[in-house]
Amino acid sequence: MPATGDLLEPKEVDFTLPDGSKKTYILSKFDAILGREIICQYPRTGIPAIGDYKQNEEIMFKLMSHVAIPAGNPIRLSTPELIRNHVKSAETLLELEMAMMEYNYRFFLRENLSAFFAALAKKVLDTATSILTRSSEPSSPTTKQPSTN
């Protein structure tokens, strides 16, 4: 894991917490290879009933290791314990994840998000339809029933 000082293009962002208070986090860019891994796996693994939660959780940990809290030497949220200590709600965690996706991928901006998920949903539906169509085809050729006339 890169050292704290290796954050790429760090940017401080204030988040409003569910209780109305504010907390500052430092977002950073992913390196190219990690960025590719995250964009290829994060959306797909997070789809309910289709994705794999454990795989999505692993990707979330990789994503969150590029989030830090300001301190004398910023502290990366690189372990489940650090995340639990510095992110108090699932709502805030999801907002941080979304902010990281927006910061790292231009096409993931909120105004593009609905188009992205619409395309993703279409791809999932097309794939599911194709799989179901193939699985519903008869396993042996049908023969014509002899006529009773």
C-alpha atoms as a PDB file:
ATOM      1  CA  MET A   1       0.000   0.000   0.000  1.00  0.00           C
ATOM      2  CA  PRO A   2       1.433   3.458  -0.883  1.00  0.00           C
ATOM      3  CA  ALA A   3       2.556   5.673   1.983  1.00  0.00           C
ATOM      4  CA  THR A   4       0.322   8.559   3.076  1.00  0.00           C
ATOM      5  CA  GLY A   5       2.586  11.078   1.349  1.00  0.00           C
ATOM      6  CA  ASP A   6       2.005   9.254  -1.928  1.00  0.00           C
ATOM      7  CA  LEU A   7      -1.600  10.421  -2.276  1.00  0.00           C
ATOM      8  CA  LEU A   8      -2.120  11.390  -5.906  1.00  0.00           C
ATOM      9  CA  GLU A   9      -3.666  14.841  -6.378  1.00  0.00           C
ATOM     10  CA  PRO A  10      -5.105  15.010  -2.845  1.00  0.00           C
ATOM     11  CA  LYS A  11      -8.186  17.192  -2.427  1.00  0.00           C
ATOM     12  CA  GLU A  12      -9.874  18.128   0.857  1.00  0.00           C
ATOM     13  CA  VAL A  13     -13.659  17.839   0.767  1.00  0.00           C
ATOM     14  CA  ASP A  14     -16.149  18.688   3.537  1.00  0.00           C
ATOM     15  CA  PHE A  15     -18.997  16.245   4.061  1.00  0.00           C
ATOM     16  CA  THR A  16     -22.188  16.940   5.987  1.00  0.00           C
ATOM     17  CA  LEU A  17     -22.806  14.037   8.347  1.00  0.00           C
ATOM     18  CA  PRO A  18     -26.275  12.663   9.154  1.00  0.00           C
ATOM     19  CA  ASP A  19     -26.281  14.588  12.471  1.00  0.00           C
ATOM     20  CA  GLY A  20     -25.673  17.877  10.597  1.00  0.00           C
ATOM     21  CA  SER A  21     -22.034  18.267  11.655  1.00  0.00           C
ATOM     22  CA  LYS A  22     -19.233  18.576   9.100  1.00  0.00           C
ATOM     23  CA  LYS A  23     -16.163  16.403   8.629  1.00  0.00           C
ATOM     24  CA  THR A  24     -13.275  16.886   6.210  1.00  0.00           C
ATOM     25  CA  TYR A  25     -11.812  13.984   4.265  1.00  0.00           C
ATOM     26  CA  ILE A  26      -8.971  13.960   1.760  1.00  0.00           C
ATOM     27  CA  LEU A  27      -9.809  12.302  -1.564  1.00  0.00           C
ATOM     28  CA  SER A  28      -7.058  11.202  -3.916  1.00  0.00           C
ATOM     29  CA  LYS A  29      -6.676   9.767  -7.378  1.00  0.00           C
ATOM     30  CA  PHE A  30      -6.052   6.078  -8.048  1.00  0.00           C
ATOM     31  CA  ASP A  31      -3.035   4.952 -10.009  1.00  0.00           C
ATOM     32  CA  ALA A  32      -3.916   3.704 -13.498  1.00  0.00           C
ATOM     33  CA  ILE A  33      -3.954  -0.020 -12.742  1.00  0.00           C
ATOM     34  CA  LEU A  34      -5.954   0.237  -9.513  1.00  0.00           C
ATOM     35  CA  GLY A  35      -8.292   2.694 -11.218  1.00  0.00           C
ATOM     36  CA  ARG A  36      -8.978   0.177 -13.971  1.00  0.00           C
ATOM     37  CA  GLU A  37      -9.579  -2.611 -11.447  1.00  0.00           C
ATOM     38  CA  ILE A  38     -12.023  -0.494  -9.463  1.00  0.00           C
ATOM     39  CA  ILE A  39     -14.053   0.750 -12.440  1.00  0.00           C
ATOM     40  CA  CYS A  40     -14.261  -2.766 -13.905  1.00  0.00           C
ATOM     41  CA  GLN A  41     -15.406  -4.384 -10.653  1.00  0.00           C
ATOM     42  CA  TYR A  42     -17.052  -1.823  -8.385  1.00  0.00           C
ATOM     43  CA  PRO A  43     -20.344  -1.192 -10.242  1.00  0.00           C
ATOM     44  CA  ARG A  44     -20.827  -4.817 -11.320  1.00  0.00           C
ATOM     45  CA  THR A  45     -20.174  -6.379  -7.917  1.00  0.00           C
ATOM     46  CA  GLY A  46     -22.519  -3.951  -6.166  1.00  0.00           C
ATOM     47  CA  ILE A  47     -25.673  -4.878  -8.095  1.00  0.00           C
ATOM     48  CA  PRO A  48     -28.104  -6.546  -5.651  1.00  0.00           C
ATOM     49  CA  ALA A  49     -28.908 -10.206  -6.426  1.00  0.00           C
ATOM     50  CA  ILE A  50     -26.329 -10.280  -9.244  1.00  0.00           C
ATOM     51  CA  GLY A  51     -23.114  -8.996  -7.703  1.00  0.00           C
ATOM     52  CA  ASP A  52     -20.801 -10.554  -5.163  1.00  0.00           C
ATOM     53  CA  TYR A  53     -20.849  -8.631  -1.869  1.00  0.00           C
ATOM     54  CA  LYS A  54     -17.485  -9.933  -0.601  1.00  0.00           C
ATOM     55  CA  GLN A  55     -15.791  -8.926  -3.851  1.00  0.00           C
ATOM     56  CA  ASN A  56     -17.502  -5.525  -3.687  1.00  0.00           C
ATOM     57  CA  GLU A  57     -16.341  -5.110  -0.089  1.00  0.00           C
ATOM     58  CA  GLU A  58     -12.733  -5.871  -1.124  1.00  0.00           C
ATOM     59  CA  ILE A  59     -12.953  -3.213  -3.845  1.00  0.00           C
ATOM     60  CA  MET A  60     -14.438  -0.752  -1.310  1.00  0.00           C
ATOM     61  CA  PHE A  61     -11.432  -1.308   0.973  1.00  0.00           C
ATOM     62  CA  LYS A  62      -9.066  -0.605  -1.941  1.00  0.00           C
ATOM     63  CA  LEU A  63     -11.057   2.530  -2.824  1.00  0.00           C
ATOM     64  CA  MET A  64     -11.154   3.753   0.783  1.00  0.00           C
ATOM     65  CA  SER A  65      -7.389   3.274   1.181  1.00  0.00           C
ATOM     66  CA  HIS A  66      -7.145   6.366  -1.054  1.00  0.00           C
ATOM     67  CA  VAL A  67      -9.253   8.434   1.361  1.00  0.00           C
ATOM     68  CA  ALA A  68      -7.528  10.066   4.321  1.00  0.00           C
ATOM     69  CA  ILE A  69      -8.410  12.251   7.259  1.00  0.00           C
ATOM     70  CA  PRO A  70      -6.435  15.465   7.756  1.00  0.00           C
ATOM     71  CA  ALA A  71      -3.963  15.277  10.603  1.00  0.00           C
ATOM     72  CA  GLY A  72      -0.340  16.379  11.060  1.00  0.00           C
ATOM     73  CA  ASN A  73       0.375  13.486   8.730  1.00  0.00           C
ATOM     74  CA  PRO A  74      -2.908  12.491   6.994  1.00  0.00           C
ATOM     75  CA  ILE A  75      -4.210   9.083   8.023  1.00  0.00           C
ATOM     76  CA  ARG A  76      -5.336   6.829   5.182  1.00  0.00           C
ATOM     77  CA  LEU A  77      -8.510   4.859   5.823  1.00  0.00           C
ATOM     78  CA  SER A  78      -6.719   1.670   4.839  1.00  0.00           C
ATOM     79  CA  THR A  79      -8.219  -0.849   7.283  1.00  0.00           C
ATOM     80  CA  PRO A  80     -11.745  -1.742   8.387  1.00  0.00           C
ATOM     81  CA  GLU A  81     -10.891  -0.423  11.878  1.00  0.00           C
ATOM     82  CA  LEU A  82      -9.757   2.977  10.551  1.00  0.00           C
ATOM     83  CA  ILE A  83     -12.878   3.223   8.390  1.00  0.00           C
ATOM     84  CA  ARG A  84     -15.121   2.380  11.378  1.00  0.00           C
ATOM     85  CA  ASN A  85     -13.305   4.910  13.577  1.00  0.00           C
ATOM     86  CA  HIS A  86     -13.504   7.800  11.125  1.00  0.00           C
ATOM     87  CA  VAL A  87     -16.700   7.082   9.161  1.00  0.00           C
ATOM     88  CA  LYS A  88     -19.606   6.760  11.569  1.00  0.00           C
ATOM     89  CA  SER A  89     -22.482   5.861   9.220  1.00  0.00           C
ATOM     90  CA  ALA A  90     -23.158   3.743   6.154  1.00  0.00           C
ATOM     91  CA  GLU A  91     -24.667   6.847   4.536  1.00  0.00           C
ATOM     92  CA  THR A  92     -21.389   8.759   4.898  1.00  0.00           C
ATOM     93  CA  LEU A  93     -19.399   5.757   3.688  1.00  0.00           C
ATOM     94  CA  LEU A  94     -21.529   5.522   0.546  1.00  0.00           C
ATOM     95  CA  GLU A  95     -21.184   9.279  -0.030  1.00  0.00           C
ATOM     96  CA  LEU A  96     -17.405   8.956   0.282  1.00  0.00           C
ATOM     97  CA  GLU A  97     -17.378   6.063  -2.184  1.00  0.00           C
ATOM     98  CA  MET A  98     -19.478   8.062  -4.662  1.00  0.00           C
ATOM     99  CA  ALA A  99     -17.247  11.132  -4.227  1.00  0.00           C
ATOM    100  CA  MET A 100     -14.185   8.985  -4.948  1.00  0.00           C
ATOM    101  CA  MET A 101     -15.798   7.581  -8.082  1.00  0.00           C
ATOM    102  CA  GLU A 102     -16.683  11.102  -9.257  1.00  0.00           C
ATOM    103  CA  TYR A 103     -13.187  12.416  -8.466  1.00  0.00           C
ATOM    104  CA  ASN A 104     -11.432   9.565 -10.269  1.00  0.00           C
ATOM    105  CA  TYR A 105     -13.695   9.106 -13.288  1.00  0.00           C
ATOM    106  CA  ARG A 106     -15.032  12.106 -15.209  1.00  0.00           C
ATOM    107  CA  PHE A 107     -17.799  10.019 -16.765  1.00  0.00           C
ATOM    108  CA  PHE A 108     -19.032   9.099 -13.297  1.00  0.00           C
ATOM    109  CA  LEU A 109     -20.157  12.654 -12.505  1.00  0.00           C
ATOM    110  CA  ARG A 110     -23.652  12.795 -11.068  1.00  0.00           C
ATOM    111  CA  GLU A 111     -25.122  14.285 -14.238  1.00  0.00           C
ATOM    112  CA  ASN A 112     -23.743  11.310 -16.191  1.00  0.00           C
ATOM    113  CA  LEU A 113     -24.567   8.755 -13.530  1.00  0.00           C
ATOM    114  CA  SER A 114     -28.130   8.012 -14.592  1.00  0.00           C
ATOM    115  CA  ALA A 115     -26.982   7.410 -18.181  1.00  0.00           C
ATOM    116  CA  PHE A 116     -24.174   5.169 -16.901  1.00  0.00           C
ATOM    117  CA  PHE A 117     -26.552   3.082 -14.765  1.00  0.00           C
ATOM    118  CA  ALA A 118     -29.146   2.970 -17.551  1.00  0.00           C
ATOM    119  CA  ALA A 119     -26.496   1.532 -19.895  1.00  0.00           C
ATOM    120  CA  LEU A 120     -25.332  -0.872 -17.179  1.00  0.00           C
ATOM    121  CA  ALA A 121     -28.917  -1.985 -16.496  1.00  0.00           C
ATOM    122  CA  LYS A 122     -29.492  -2.555 -20.228  1.00  0.00           C
ATOM    123  CA  LYS A 123     -26.310  -4.641 -20.468  1.00  0.00           C
ATOM    124  CA  VAL A 124     -27.339  -6.725 -17.431  1.00  0.00           C
ATOM    125  CA  LEU A 125     -30.851  -7.192 -18.819  1.00  0.00           C
ATOM    126  CA  ASP A 126     -29.532  -8.149 -22.278  1.00  0.00           C
ATOM    127  CA  THR A 127     -27.125 -10.660 -20.739  1.00  0.00           C
ATOM    128  CA  ALA A 128     -29.810 -12.134 -18.475  1.00  0.00           C
ATOM    129  CA  THR A 129     -32.242 -12.391 -21.409  1.00  0.00           C
ATOM    130  CA  SER A 130     -29.637 -14.136 -23.541  1.00  0.00           C
ATOM    131  CA  ILE A 131     -28.808 -16.617 -20.771  1.00  0.00           C
ATOM    132  CA  LEU A 132     -32.465 -17.333 -20.050  1.00  0.00           C
ATOM    133  CA  THR A 133     -33.274 -17.738 -23.749  1.00  0.00           C
ATOM    134  CA  ARG A 134     -30.452 -20.239 -24.211  1.00  0.00           C
ATOM    135  CA  SER A 135     -31.400 -22.176 -21.087  1.00  0.00           C
ATOM    136  CA  SER A 136     -35.051 -22.418 -22.116  1.00  0.00           C
ATOM    137  CA  GLU A 137     -34.283 -23.977 -25.514  1.00  0.00           C
ATOM    138  CA  PRO A 138     -35.201 -27.665 -25.661  1.00  0.00           C
ATOM    139  CA  SER A 139     -32.314 -29.997 -24.963  1.00  0.00           C
ATOM    140  CA  SER A 140     -33.332 -32.403 -27.723  1.00  0.00           C
ATOM    141  CA  PRO A 141     -34.870 -31.702 -31.093  1.00  0.00           C
ATOM    142  CA  THR A 142     -38.618 -31.869 -31.196  1.00  0.00           C
ATOM    143  CA  THR A 143     -40.222 -34.404 -33.465  1.00  0.00           C
ATOM    144  CA  LYS A 144     -43.604 -34.096 -34.973  1.00  0.00           C
ATOM    145  CA  GLN A 145     -46.233 -36.139 -33.249  1.00  0.00           C
ATOM    146  CA  PRO A 146     -47.777 -38.729 -35.543  1.00  0.00           C
ATOM    147  CA  SER A 147     -51.192 -37.755 -36.824  1.00  0.00           C
ATOM    148  CA  THR A 148     -54.156 -39.509 -35.238  1.00  0.00           C
ATOM    149  CA  ASN A 149     -56.251 -39.103 -38.397  1.00  0.00           C
END
